[in-house]
Protein backbone atom coordinates (compact mmCIF):
# COMPACT_ATOMS: atom_id res chain seq x y z
CA MET A 1 83.23 175.70 92.71
CA TYR A 2 83.05 177.52 89.37
CA ALA A 3 83.17 174.24 87.45
CA LEU A 4 80.53 172.58 89.64
CA TRP A 5 77.84 175.24 89.66
CA GLY A 6 79.34 178.72 89.27
CA LYS A 7 79.61 178.60 85.48
CA ALA A 8 75.98 177.56 85.00
CA ALA A 9 74.78 180.13 87.54
CA LEU A 10 76.78 182.89 85.84
CA ASP A 11 75.44 181.85 82.44
CA ARG A 12 71.81 182.13 83.45
CA SER A 13 72.32 185.32 85.48
CA VAL A 14 74.06 187.16 82.64
CA ALA A 15 71.56 185.88 80.06
CA ALA A 16 68.61 187.05 82.15
CA LEU A 17 70.25 190.44 82.70
CA VAL A 18 70.99 190.94 79.01
CA LEU A 19 67.48 189.92 77.97
CA VAL A 20 65.87 192.31 80.46
CA LEU A 21 68.17 195.33 80.16
CA GLY A 22 68.81 194.77 76.47
CA ALA A 23 65.12 194.41 75.55
CA PRO A 24 65.02 197.83 73.79
CA VAL A 25 68.09 196.94 71.72
CA LEU A 26 66.64 193.55 70.84
CA ALA A 27 63.39 195.22 69.80
CA LEU A 28 65.22 197.71 67.57
CA LEU A 29 67.27 194.94 65.98
CA ALA A 30 64.13 192.91 65.35
CA LEU A 31 62.53 195.93 63.67
CA ALA A 32 65.66 196.51 61.57
CA VAL A 33 65.62 192.88 60.41
CA LEU A 34 61.93 193.14 59.57
CA LEU A 35 62.47 196.30 57.51
CA GLY A 36 65.74 195.20 55.92
CA LEU A 37 65.06 191.53 55.24
CA GLY A 38 61.41 190.86 55.98
CA ARG A 39 60.01 187.85 57.78
CA PRO A 40 60.93 185.65 59.53
CA ILE A 41 62.90 187.83 61.92
CA LEU A 42 64.62 184.91 63.64
CA PHE A 43 66.77 182.23 62.06
CA ARG A 44 66.18 178.84 63.67
CA GLN A 45 68.36 175.80 63.12
CA ARG A 46 68.84 172.48 64.88
CA ARG A 47 72.29 172.32 66.41
CA ALA A 48 74.16 169.71 68.46
CA GLY A 49 74.31 170.53 72.15
CA ARG A 50 75.93 168.79 75.08
CA HIS A 51 76.45 165.07 74.38
CA GLY A 52 75.10 165.74 70.89
CA ALA A 53 71.54 166.40 72.08
CA PRO A 54 69.80 168.56 69.45
CA PHE A 55 68.32 171.95 70.29
CA THR A 56 67.00 174.86 68.27
CA LEU A 57 69.52 177.70 68.02
CA LEU A 58 68.13 181.22 67.67
CA LYS A 59 69.69 184.11 65.75
CA PHE A 60 68.53 187.27 64.04
CA ARG A 61 68.27 186.54 60.33
CA THR A 62 71.06 188.08 58.26
CA MET A 63 70.22 186.81 54.76
CA ARG A 64 67.28 187.04 52.40
CA GLU A 65 65.12 183.96 52.01
CA GLY A 66 65.73 181.71 49.01
CA ALA A 67 68.02 179.09 47.55
CA ALA A 68 70.61 181.48 46.10
CA PRO A 69 74.24 181.39 47.33
CA ASP A 70 75.02 183.21 50.58
CA ALA A 71 76.88 185.98 48.71
CA VAL A 72 73.71 186.78 46.77
CA ARG A 73 71.36 186.65 49.76
CA LEU A 74 73.58 188.85 51.95
CA ASN A 75 73.04 192.60 51.73
CA GLY A 76 74.93 195.41 53.44
CA PHE A 77 72.75 195.32 56.55
CA GLY A 78 73.17 191.55 56.89
CA ARG A 79 76.95 191.81 56.55
CA TRP A 80 77.07 194.47 59.26
CA LEU A 81 74.83 192.48 61.56
CA ARG A 82 77.02 189.37 61.18
CA ALA A 83 80.27 191.31 61.62
CA SER A 84 78.99 192.99 64.78
CA GLY A 85 77.85 189.70 66.32
CA LEU A 86 74.54 191.31 67.30
CA ASP A 87 72.75 188.62 65.30
CA GLU A 88 73.77 186.18 68.05
CA LEU A 89 71.96 188.02 70.87
CA PRO A 90 68.81 185.85 70.74
CA GLN A 91 71.03 182.96 71.83
CA MET A 92 70.79 184.43 75.32
CA ILE A 93 67.45 182.60 75.33
CA ASN A 94 69.34 179.36 74.62
CA VAL A 95 71.71 180.18 77.48
CA LEU A 96 68.82 180.90 79.84
CA ARG A 97 67.27 177.55 78.91
CA GLY A 98 70.50 175.77 79.77
CA GLU A 99 71.08 174.64 76.17
CA MET A 100 74.17 176.81 75.80
CA SER A 101 76.83 178.46 77.93
CA LEU A 102 78.35 181.91 77.57
CA VAL A 103 81.73 180.31 76.83
CA GLY A 104 82.24 177.01 75.03
CA PRO A 105 82.62 175.55 71.54
CA ARG A 106 80.25 177.09 69.03
CA PRO A 107 77.22 174.83 68.41
CA LEU A 108 77.40 173.21 64.98
CA PRO A 109 74.64 171.72 62.80
CA CYS A 110 73.60 168.22 63.81
CA ASP A 111 74.65 166.78 60.45
CA TYR A 112 78.28 167.64 61.26
CA THR A 113 78.38 165.26 64.22
CA PRO A 114 78.99 162.05 62.18
CA LEU A 115 81.95 163.78 60.52
CA PHE A 116 83.88 164.16 63.80
CA SER A 117 86.73 161.85 64.67
CA ALA A 118 86.71 160.29 68.15
CA ALA A 119 88.95 163.11 69.40
CA GLU A 120 86.89 165.86 67.76
CA ALA A 121 83.69 164.45 69.28
CA GLU A 122 85.06 165.41 72.71
CA ARG A 123 83.89 168.95 71.96
CA LEU A 124 80.37 167.62 72.63
CA ARG A 125 81.18 166.73 76.26
CA ILE A 126 80.29 170.26 77.34
CA ARG A 127 77.61 172.81 76.52
CA PRO A 128 78.26 174.86 73.40
CA GLY A 129 78.78 178.57 73.88
CA LEU A 130 78.40 182.06 72.50
CA PHE A 131 82.14 182.64 72.79
CA GLY A 132 84.96 180.16 72.58
CA LEU A 133 88.66 179.60 72.13
CA ALA A 134 88.33 179.26 68.35
CA GLN A 135 86.30 182.48 68.17
CA ALA A 136 88.89 184.32 70.25
CA ARG A 137 91.52 183.30 67.70
CA GLY A 138 89.65 184.69 64.72
CA ARG A 139 86.00 183.55 64.54
CA ASN A 140 85.07 182.20 61.08
CA ALA A 141 88.44 183.17 59.63
CA VAL A 142 90.01 180.26 61.55
CA PRO A 143 90.27 177.11 59.35
CA TRP A 144 88.06 174.19 60.32
CA ALA A 145 90.96 171.99 61.45
CA GLN A 146 92.21 174.62 63.90
CA ARG A 147 88.67 175.49 64.98
CA LEU A 148 87.85 171.93 66.01
CA ALA A 149 91.22 171.49 67.71
CA CYS A 150 90.56 174.62 69.79
CA ASP A 151 87.12 173.30 70.74
CA VAL A 152 88.58 170.02 71.98
CA GLN A 153 91.34 171.83 73.86
CA TYR A 154 88.75 173.89 75.74
CA ALA A 155 86.49 170.87 76.37
CA ARG A 156 89.35 168.96 77.99
CA GLN A 157 90.12 171.72 80.49
CA VAL A 158 88.50 172.22 83.87
CA PRO A 159 86.40 175.41 83.50
CA GLU A 160 87.99 178.45 85.15
CA PHE A 161 86.40 181.85 85.64
CA THR A 162 89.50 183.80 84.62
CA THR A 163 89.94 181.76 81.43
CA ASP A 164 86.30 182.25 80.43
CA MET A 165 86.47 185.99 81.06
CA LYS A 166 89.66 186.32 78.99
CA LEU A 167 88.05 184.45 76.10
CA ALA A 168 84.86 186.52 76.29
CA LEU A 169 86.94 189.72 76.34
CA ALA A 170 89.05 188.61 73.37
CA CYS A 171 85.91 187.76 71.41
CA GLY A 172 84.41 191.12 72.35
CA VAL A 173 87.42 192.95 70.92
CA LEU A 174 87.10 191.05 67.63
CA LEU A 175 83.39 191.85 67.46
CA LEU A 176 84.00 195.56 68.07
CA ARG A 177 86.52 195.54 65.23
CA GLY A 178 84.21 193.53 62.99
CA HIS A 179 86.93 190.95 62.34
CA GLY A 180 86.51 187.28 61.50
CA ALA A 181 82.88 187.23 60.38
CA THR A 182 83.80 185.45 57.15
CA MET A 183 86.16 182.71 56.02
CA PRO A 184 88.60 183.84 53.30
CA GLY A 185 87.06 183.17 49.91
CA HIS A 186 83.52 182.79 51.29
CA ALA A 187 80.61 185.13 51.98
CA THR A 188 80.16 183.49 55.40
CA SER A 189 81.98 180.23 56.17
CA ALA A 190 82.58 177.00 54.27
CA ARG A 191 80.65 174.01 55.54
CA LEU A 192 82.69 171.36 57.33
CA ASP A 193 81.70 168.66 54.82
CA GLU A 194 82.77 170.94 51.95
CA SER A 195 86.19 171.41 53.59
CA LEU A 196 86.58 167.64 53.93
CA THR A 197 85.56 167.11 50.31
CA LEU A 198 88.19 169.60 49.20
CA GLY A 199 90.82 167.57 51.03
CA ALA A 200 91.43 169.72 54.10
CA ALA A 201 94.13 168.39 56.41
CA PRO A 202 92.85 166.08 59.16
CA VAL A 203 92.37 167.61 62.55
CA MET A 204 95.22 166.81 64.92
CA VAL A 205 94.22 167.23 68.55
CA GLY A 206 97.02 167.19 71.03
CA GLY A 207 97.94 168.97 74.23
CA LYS A 208 98.06 172.73 73.96
CA GLY A 209 98.81 172.99 70.21
């Protein structure tokens, strides 16, 4: 029942509740972004959704505009916003639209899709999510190979309410601690194509590895 319609119903119900009850918080965050970073307040990027269908992901902006490296464009406020995960709250709109789920593989840029192996592409069978198995294991600090393997592992499972709640709780703990917002050696996270260029180990997707 949860897999058939319960997950989607829970997604939209929680998203609507957060957007309504959290409207004052969202307004304060929007004002903080405006004062700390200027316009635009929202970061918009095309990401690959279910079956690879593109959609526009929404986030609060955490970096200054410009072509400088991420480390230069990030200020203290932006680092805090990323570490807290509050920059992701506008994605509740994506969830309400049915483009995302509360729990699932994180949506990646559309130009990553051709880089996936046949096994890795299985992560696109389901809606991407705010929280996921890879995020529960360390967010951006998790290497790309392990991140994609976790995504496929979750995509191959039949959705279960208890599993999704455990993953959401684990991600919540990491967010409260401010852990995993960056990849070691990077201001944010290395791009997937950069990791492949540097000769990262191929992703091995098996059973429960």
